[in-house]
Amino acid sequence: MGVDFGHMHAGHFIFIPAVLLVGMVIGWILGSRAAADAYAAELRKREARRAPTPAESRGDRTAGS
């Protein structure tokens, strides 16, 4: 019931590493996109925290005190 490596043709030595390489490339692309999206979301969140309130932008002194 074991695997008979004598009957495997040479295509296995090309196909299996090629499939692994394609999987790594797809993972690399998807991972870099996810990291870039997370970084952009963090920058947007920081900008939203740093943005002045409408009262501060008008120059009202009574809004904060």
PDB file of N, CA and C in Angstrom:
ATOM      1  N   MET A   1       0.810  -1.196   0.000  1.00  0.00           N
ATOM      2  CA  MET A   1       0.000   0.000   0.000  1.00  0.00           C
ATOM      3  C   MET A   1       0.855   1.262   0.000  1.00  0.00           C
ATOM      4  N   GLY A   2       2.166   1.126  -0.027  1.00  0.00           N
ATOM      5  CA  GLY A   2       3.057   2.272  -0.027  1.00  0.00           C
ATOM      6  C   GLY A   2       3.144   2.935  -1.392  1.00  0.00           C
ATOM      7  N   VAL A   3       3.781   4.067  -1.426  1.00  0.00           N
ATOM      8  CA  VAL A   3       3.934   4.813  -2.671  1.00  0.00           C
ATOM      9  C   VAL A   3       5.126   4.234  -3.429  1.00  0.00           C
ATOM     10  N   ASP A   4       4.913   3.947  -4.689  1.00  0.00           N
ATOM     11  CA  ASP A   4       5.990   3.420  -5.525  1.00  0.00           C
ATOM     12  C   ASP A   4       6.630   4.582  -6.284  1.00  0.00           C
ATOM     13  N   PHE A   5       7.727   5.062  -5.771  1.00  0.00           N
ATOM     14  CA  PHE A   5       8.399   6.209  -6.380  1.00  0.00           C
ATOM     15  C   PHE A   5       9.012   5.877  -7.729  1.00  0.00           C
ATOM     16  N   GLY A   6       9.143   4.615  -8.037  1.00  0.00           N
ATOM     17  CA  GLY A   6       9.687   4.217  -9.316  1.00  0.00           C
ATOM     18  C   GLY A   6       8.758   4.511 -10.483  1.00  0.00           C
ATOM     19  N   HIS A   7       7.456   4.624 -10.224  1.00  0.00           N
ATOM     20  CA  HIS A   7       6.497   4.883 -11.281  1.00  0.00           C
ATOM     21  C   HIS A   7       6.158   6.369 -11.434  1.00  0.00           C
ATOM     22  N   MET A   8       6.732   7.212 -10.608  1.00  0.00           N
ATOM     23  CA  MET A   8       6.485   8.652 -10.760  1.00  0.00           C
ATOM     24  C   MET A   8       7.308   9.169 -11.928  1.00  0.00           C
ATOM     25  N   HIS A   9       6.674   9.951 -12.769  1.00  0.00           N
ATOM     26  CA  HIS A   9       7.419  10.492 -13.899  1.00  0.00           C
ATOM     27  C   HIS A   9       8.083  11.815 -13.489  1.00  0.00           C
ATOM     28  N   ALA A  10       8.931  12.313 -14.353  1.00  0.00           N
ATOM     29  CA  ALA A  10       9.739  13.491 -14.040  1.00  0.00           C
ATOM     30  C   ALA A  10       8.907  14.762 -13.887  1.00  0.00           C
ATOM     31  N   GLY A  11       7.683  14.759 -14.381  1.00  0.00           N
ATOM     32  CA  GLY A  11       6.821  15.929 -14.251  1.00  0.00           C
ATOM     33  C   GLY A  11       6.535  16.304 -12.806  1.00  0.00           C
ATOM     34  N   HIS A  12       6.562  15.327 -11.908  1.00  0.00           N
ATOM     35  CA  HIS A  12       6.330  15.624 -10.495  1.00  0.00           C
ATOM     36  C   HIS A  12       7.410  16.546  -9.945  1.00  0.00           C
ATOM     37  N   PHE A  13       8.621  16.386 -10.431  1.00  0.00           N
ATOM     38  CA  PHE A  13       9.731  17.196  -9.916  1.00  0.00           C
ATOM     39  C   PHE A  13       9.679  18.623 -10.446  1.00  0.00           C
ATOM     40  N   ILE A  14       8.891  18.859 -11.455  1.00  0.00           N
ATOM     41  CA  ILE A  14       8.679  20.209 -11.979  1.00  0.00           C
ATOM     42  C   ILE A  14       7.375  20.781 -11.439  1.00  0.00           C
ATOM     43  N   PHE A  15       6.310  19.985 -11.478  1.00  0.00           N
ATOM     44  CA  PHE A  15       4.971  20.460 -11.135  1.00  0.00           C
ATOM     45  C   PHE A  15       4.841  20.833  -9.662  1.00  0.00           C
ATOM     46  N   ILE A  16       5.299  19.982  -8.765  1.00  0.00           N
ATOM     47  CA  ILE A  16       5.113  20.238  -7.337  1.00  0.00           C
ATOM     48  C   ILE A  16       5.858  21.496  -6.880  1.00  0.00           C
ATOM     49  N   PRO A  17       7.123  21.689  -7.194  1.00  0.00           N
ATOM     50  CA  PRO A  17       7.774  22.947  -6.804  1.00  0.00           C
ATOM     51  C   PRO A  17       7.154  24.172  -7.484  1.00  0.00           C
ATOM     52  N   ALA A  18       6.661  23.998  -8.721  1.00  0.00           N
ATOM     53  CA  ALA A  18       6.022  25.119  -9.413  1.00  0.00           C
ATOM     54  C   ALA A  18       4.741  25.534  -8.698  1.00  0.00           C
ATOM     55  N   VAL A  19       3.950  24.566  -8.252  1.00  0.00           N
ATOM     56  CA  VAL A  19       2.720  24.871  -7.521  1.00  0.00           C
ATOM     57  C   VAL A  19       3.061  25.560  -6.194  1.00  0.00           C
ATOM     58  N   LEU A  20       4.074  25.090  -5.511  1.00  0.00           N
ATOM     59  CA  LEU A  20       4.492  25.728  -4.264  1.00  0.00           C
ATOM     60  C   LEU A  20       4.956  27.166  -4.504  1.00  0.00           C
ATOM     61  N   LEU A  21       5.687  27.371  -5.578  1.00  0.00           N
ATOM     62  CA  LEU A  21       6.172  28.712  -5.895  1.00  0.00           C
ATOM     63  C   LEU A  21       5.020  29.656  -6.240  1.00  0.00           C
ATOM     64  N   VAL A  22       4.063  29.171  -7.013  1.00  0.00           N
ATOM     65  CA  VAL A  22       2.888  29.990  -7.347  1.00  0.00           C
ATOM     66  C   VAL A  22       2.118  30.342  -6.072  1.00  0.00           C
ATOM     67  N   GLY A  23       1.961  29.393  -5.175  1.00  0.00           N
ATOM     68  CA  GLY A  23       1.284  29.661  -3.908  1.00  0.00           C
ATOM     69  C   GLY A  23       2.005  30.692  -3.076  1.00  0.00           C
ATOM     70  N   MET A  24       3.326  30.638  -3.055  1.00  0.00           N
ATOM     71  CA  MET A  24       4.097  31.625  -2.301  1.00  0.00           C
ATOM     72  C   MET A  24       3.964  33.014  -2.913  1.00  0.00           C
ATOM     73  N   VAL A  25       3.965  33.090  -4.223  1.00  0.00           N
ATOM     74  CA  VAL A  25       3.822  34.391  -4.893  1.00  0.00           C
ATOM     75  C   VAL A  25       2.445  34.988  -4.617  1.00  0.00           C
ATOM     76  N   ILE A  26       1.411  34.170  -4.703  1.00  0.00           N
ATOM     77  CA  ILE A  26       0.055  34.660  -4.430  1.00  0.00           C
ATOM     78  C   ILE A  26      -0.047  35.112  -2.970  1.00  0.00           C
ATOM     79  N   GLY A  27       0.511  34.350  -2.055  1.00  0.00           N
ATOM     80  CA  GLY A  27       0.509  34.733  -0.646  1.00  0.00           C
ATOM     81  C   GLY A  27       1.269  36.019  -0.399  1.00  0.00           C
ATOM     82  N   TRP A  28       2.389  36.186  -1.073  1.00  0.00           N
ATOM     83  CA  TRP A  28       3.189  37.409  -0.947  1.00  0.00           C
ATOM     84  C   TRP A  28       2.380  38.622  -1.405  1.00  0.00           C
ATOM     85  N   ILE A  29       1.719  38.495  -2.552  1.00  0.00           N
ATOM     86  CA  ILE A  29       0.934  39.611  -3.094  1.00  0.00           C
ATOM     87  C   ILE A  29      -0.230  39.949  -2.169  1.00  0.00           C
ATOM     88  N   LEU A  30      -0.980  38.947  -1.755  1.00  0.00           N
ATOM     89  CA  LEU A  30      -2.128  39.201  -0.881  1.00  0.00           C
ATOM     90  C   LEU A  30      -1.686  39.750   0.473  1.00  0.00           C
ATOM     91  N   GLY A  31      -0.592  39.248   0.998  1.00  0.00           N
ATOM     92  CA  GLY A  31      -0.079  39.729   2.280  1.00  0.00           C
ATOM     93  C   GLY A  31       0.403  41.166   2.202  1.00  0.00           C
ATOM     94  N   SER A  32       1.059  41.520   1.115  1.00  0.00           N
ATOM     95  CA  SER A  32       1.549  42.899   0.994  1.00  0.00           C
ATOM     96  C   SER A  32       0.389  43.869   0.816  1.00  0.00           C
ATOM     97  N   ARG A  33      -0.654  43.437   0.114  1.00  0.00           N
ATOM     98  CA  ARG A  33      -1.844  44.300  -0.021  1.00  0.00           C
ATOM     99  C   ARG A  33      -2.529  44.488   1.325  1.00  0.00           C
ATOM    100  N   ALA A  34      -2.643  43.421   2.099  1.00  0.00           N
ATOM    101  CA  ALA A  34      -3.283  43.525   3.410  1.00  0.00           C
ATOM    102  C   ALA A  34      -2.475  44.425   4.334  1.00  0.00           C
ATOM    103  N   ALA A  35      -1.151  44.313   4.281  1.00  0.00           N
ATOM    104  CA  ALA A  35      -0.305  45.161   5.124  1.00  0.00           C
ATOM    105  C   ALA A  35      -0.419  46.623   4.709  1.00  0.00           C
ATOM    106  N   ALA A  36      -0.472  46.886   3.420  1.00  0.00           N
ATOM    107  CA  ALA A  36      -0.609  48.270   2.948  1.00  0.00           C
ATOM    108  C   ALA A  36      -1.965  48.846   3.342  1.00  0.00           C
ATOM    109  N   ASP A  37      -3.019  48.041   3.272  1.00  0.00           N
ATOM    110  CA  ASP A  37      -4.342  48.500   3.685  1.00  0.00           C
ATOM    111  C   ASP A  37      -4.380  48.794   5.183  1.00  0.00           C
ATOM    112  N   ALA A  38      -3.764  47.936   5.982  1.00  0.00           N
ATOM    113  CA  ALA A  38      -3.733  48.151   7.424  1.00  0.00           C
ATOM    114  C   ALA A  38      -2.948  49.412   7.760  1.00  0.00           C
ATOM    115  N   TYR A  39      -1.857  49.639   7.066  1.00  0.00           N
ATOM    116  CA  TYR A  39      -1.050  50.838   7.294  1.00  0.00           C
ATOM    117  C   TYR A  39      -1.838  52.097   6.928  1.00  0.00           C
ATOM    118  N   ALA A  40      -2.553  52.064   5.808  1.00  0.00           N
ATOM    119  CA  ALA A  40      -3.358  53.211   5.387  1.00  0.00           C
ATOM    120  C   ALA A  40      -4.493  53.465   6.373  1.00  0.00           C
ATOM    121  N   ALA A  41      -5.101  52.412   6.897  1.00  0.00           N
ATOM    122  CA  ALA A  41      -6.169  52.582   7.885  1.00  0.00           C
ATOM    123  C   ALA A  41      -5.629  53.203   9.164  1.00  0.00           C
ATOM    124  N   GLU A  42      -4.441  52.792   9.568  1.00  0.00           N
ATOM    125  CA  GLU A  42      -3.822  53.380  10.762  1.00  0.00           C
ATOM    126  C   GLU A  42      -3.514  54.857  10.548  1.00  0.00           C
ATOM    127  N   LEU A  43      -3.026  55.217   9.371  1.00  0.00           N
ATOM    128  CA  LEU A  43      -2.756  56.633   9.082  1.00  0.00           C
ATOM    129  C   LEU A  43      -4.044  57.448   9.096  1.00  0.00           C
ATOM    130  N   ARG A  44      -5.121  56.895   8.516  1.00  0.00           N
ATOM    131  CA  ARG A  44      -6.409  57.608   8.538  1.00  0.00           C
ATOM    132  C   ARG A  44      -6.908  57.794   9.962  1.00  0.00           C
ATOM    133  N   LYS A  45      -6.719  56.757  10.798  1.00  0.00           N
ATOM    134  CA  LYS A  45      -7.170  56.844  12.183  1.00  0.00           C
ATOM    135  C   LYS A  45      -6.372  57.917  12.936  1.00  0.00           C
ATOM    136  N   ARG A  46      -5.075  57.979  12.692  1.00  0.00           N
ATOM    137  CA  ARG A  46      -4.244  59.002  13.348  1.00  0.00           C
ATOM    138  C   ARG A  46      -4.619  60.397  12.883  1.00  0.00           C
ATOM    139  N   GLU A  47      -4.897  60.541  11.587  1.00  0.00           N
ATOM    140  CA  GLU A  47      -5.313  61.847  11.066  1.00  0.00           C
ATOM    141  C   GLU A  47      -6.641  62.278  11.669  1.00  0.00           C
ATOM    142  N   ALA A  48      -7.561  61.337  11.839  1.00  0.00           N
ATOM    143  CA  ALA A  48      -8.869  61.668  12.410  1.00  0.00           C
ATOM    144  C   ALA A  48      -8.730  62.113  13.864  1.00  0.00           C
ATOM    145  N   ARG A  49      -7.815  61.498  14.590  1.00  0.00           N
ATOM    146  CA  ARG A  49      -7.589  61.899  15.978  1.00  0.00           C
ATOM    147  C   ARG A  49      -6.939  63.272  16.070  1.00  0.00           C
ATOM    148  N   ARG A  50      -6.096  63.584  15.104  1.00  0.00           N
ATOM    149  CA  ARG A  50      -5.342  64.828  15.138  1.00  0.00           C
ATOM    150  C   ARG A  50      -6.119  65.995  14.538  1.00  0.00           C
ATOM    151  N   ALA A  51      -7.177  65.733  13.792  1.00  0.00           N
ATOM    152  CA  ALA A  51      -7.931  66.791  13.115  1.00  0.00           C
ATOM    153  C   ALA A  51      -8.603  67.695  14.148  1.00  0.00           C
ATOM    154  N   PRO A  52      -8.600  68.990  13.913  1.00  0.00           N
ATOM    155  CA  PRO A  52      -9.242  69.917  14.853  1.00  0.00           C
ATOM    156  C   PRO A  52     -10.764  69.808  14.771  1.00  0.00           C
ATOM    157  N   THR A  53     -11.418  70.137  15.861  1.00  0.00           N
ATOM    158  CA  THR A  53     -12.880  70.160  15.872  1.00  0.00           C
ATOM    159  C   THR A  53     -13.347  71.388  15.104  1.00  0.00           C
ATOM    160  N   PRO A  54     -14.600  71.432  14.664  1.00  0.00           N
ATOM    161  CA  PRO A  54     -15.080  72.605  13.910  1.00  0.00           C
ATOM    162  C   PRO A  54     -14.963  73.902  14.708  1.00  0.00           C
ATOM    163  N   ALA A  55     -15.167  73.873  16.031  1.00  0.00           N
ATOM    164  CA  ALA A  55     -15.061  75.082  16.846  1.00  0.00           C
ATOM    165  C   ALA A  55     -13.622  75.585  16.878  1.00  0.00           C
ATOM    166  N   GLU A  56     -12.661  74.669  16.926  1.00  0.00           N
ATOM    167  CA  GLU A  56     -11.258  75.078  16.945  1.00  0.00           C
ATOM    168  C   GLU A  56     -10.847  75.677  15.620  1.00  0.00           C
ATOM    169  N   SER A  57     -11.394  75.163  14.544  1.00  0.00           N
ATOM    170  CA  SER A  57     -11.018  75.677  13.229  1.00  0.00           C
ATOM    171  C   SER A  57     -11.588  77.093  12.983  1.00  0.00           C
ATOM    172  N   ARG A  58     -12.720  77.426  13.649  1.00  0.00           N
ATOM    173  CA  ARG A  58     -13.284  78.764  13.520  1.00  0.00           C
ATOM    174  C   ARG A  58     -12.553  79.767  14.414  1.00  0.00           C
ATOM    175  N   GLY A  59     -11.867  79.261  15.414  1.00  0.00           N
ATOM    176  CA  GLY A  59     -11.153  80.153  16.324  1.00  0.00           C
ATOM    177  C   GLY A  59     -11.959  80.517  17.556  1.00  0.00           C
ATOM    178  N   ASP A  60     -13.051  79.800  17.835  1.00  0.00           N
ATOM    179  CA  ASP A  60     -13.833  80.055  19.040  1.00  0.00           C
ATOM    180  C   ASP A  60     -13.039  79.653  20.278  1.00  0.00           C
ATOM    181  N   ARG A  61     -12.909  80.546  21.212  1.00  0.00           N
ATOM    182  CA  ARG A  61     -12.178  80.247  22.436  1.00  0.00           C
ATOM    183  C   ARG A  61     -13.093  79.622  23.499  1.00  0.00           C
ATOM    184  N   THR A  62     -14.378  79.806  23.386  1.00  0.00           N
ATOM    185  CA  THR A  62     -15.308  79.316  24.405  1.00  0.00           C
ATOM    186  C   THR A  62     -15.646  77.843  24.225  1.00  0.00           C
ATOM    187  N   ALA A  63     -15.367  77.275  23.106  1.00  0.00           N
ATOM    188  CA  ALA A  63     -15.755  75.889  22.838  1.00  0.00           C
ATOM    189  C   ALA A  63     -14.968  74.915  23.709  1.00  0.00           C
ATOM    190  N   GLY A  64     -13.708  75.153  23.954  1.00  0.00           N
ATOM    191  CA  GLY A  64     -12.897  74.231  24.717  1.00  0.00           C
ATOM    192  C   GLY A  64     -12.830  74.548  26.192  1.00  0.00           C
ATOM    193  N   SER A  65     -13.232  75.727  26.652  1.00  0.00           N
ATOM    194  CA  SER A  65     -13.106  76.056  28.058  1.00  0.00           C
ATOM    195  C   SER A  65     -14.412  76.376  28.700  1.00  0.00           C
TER     196      SER A  65
END
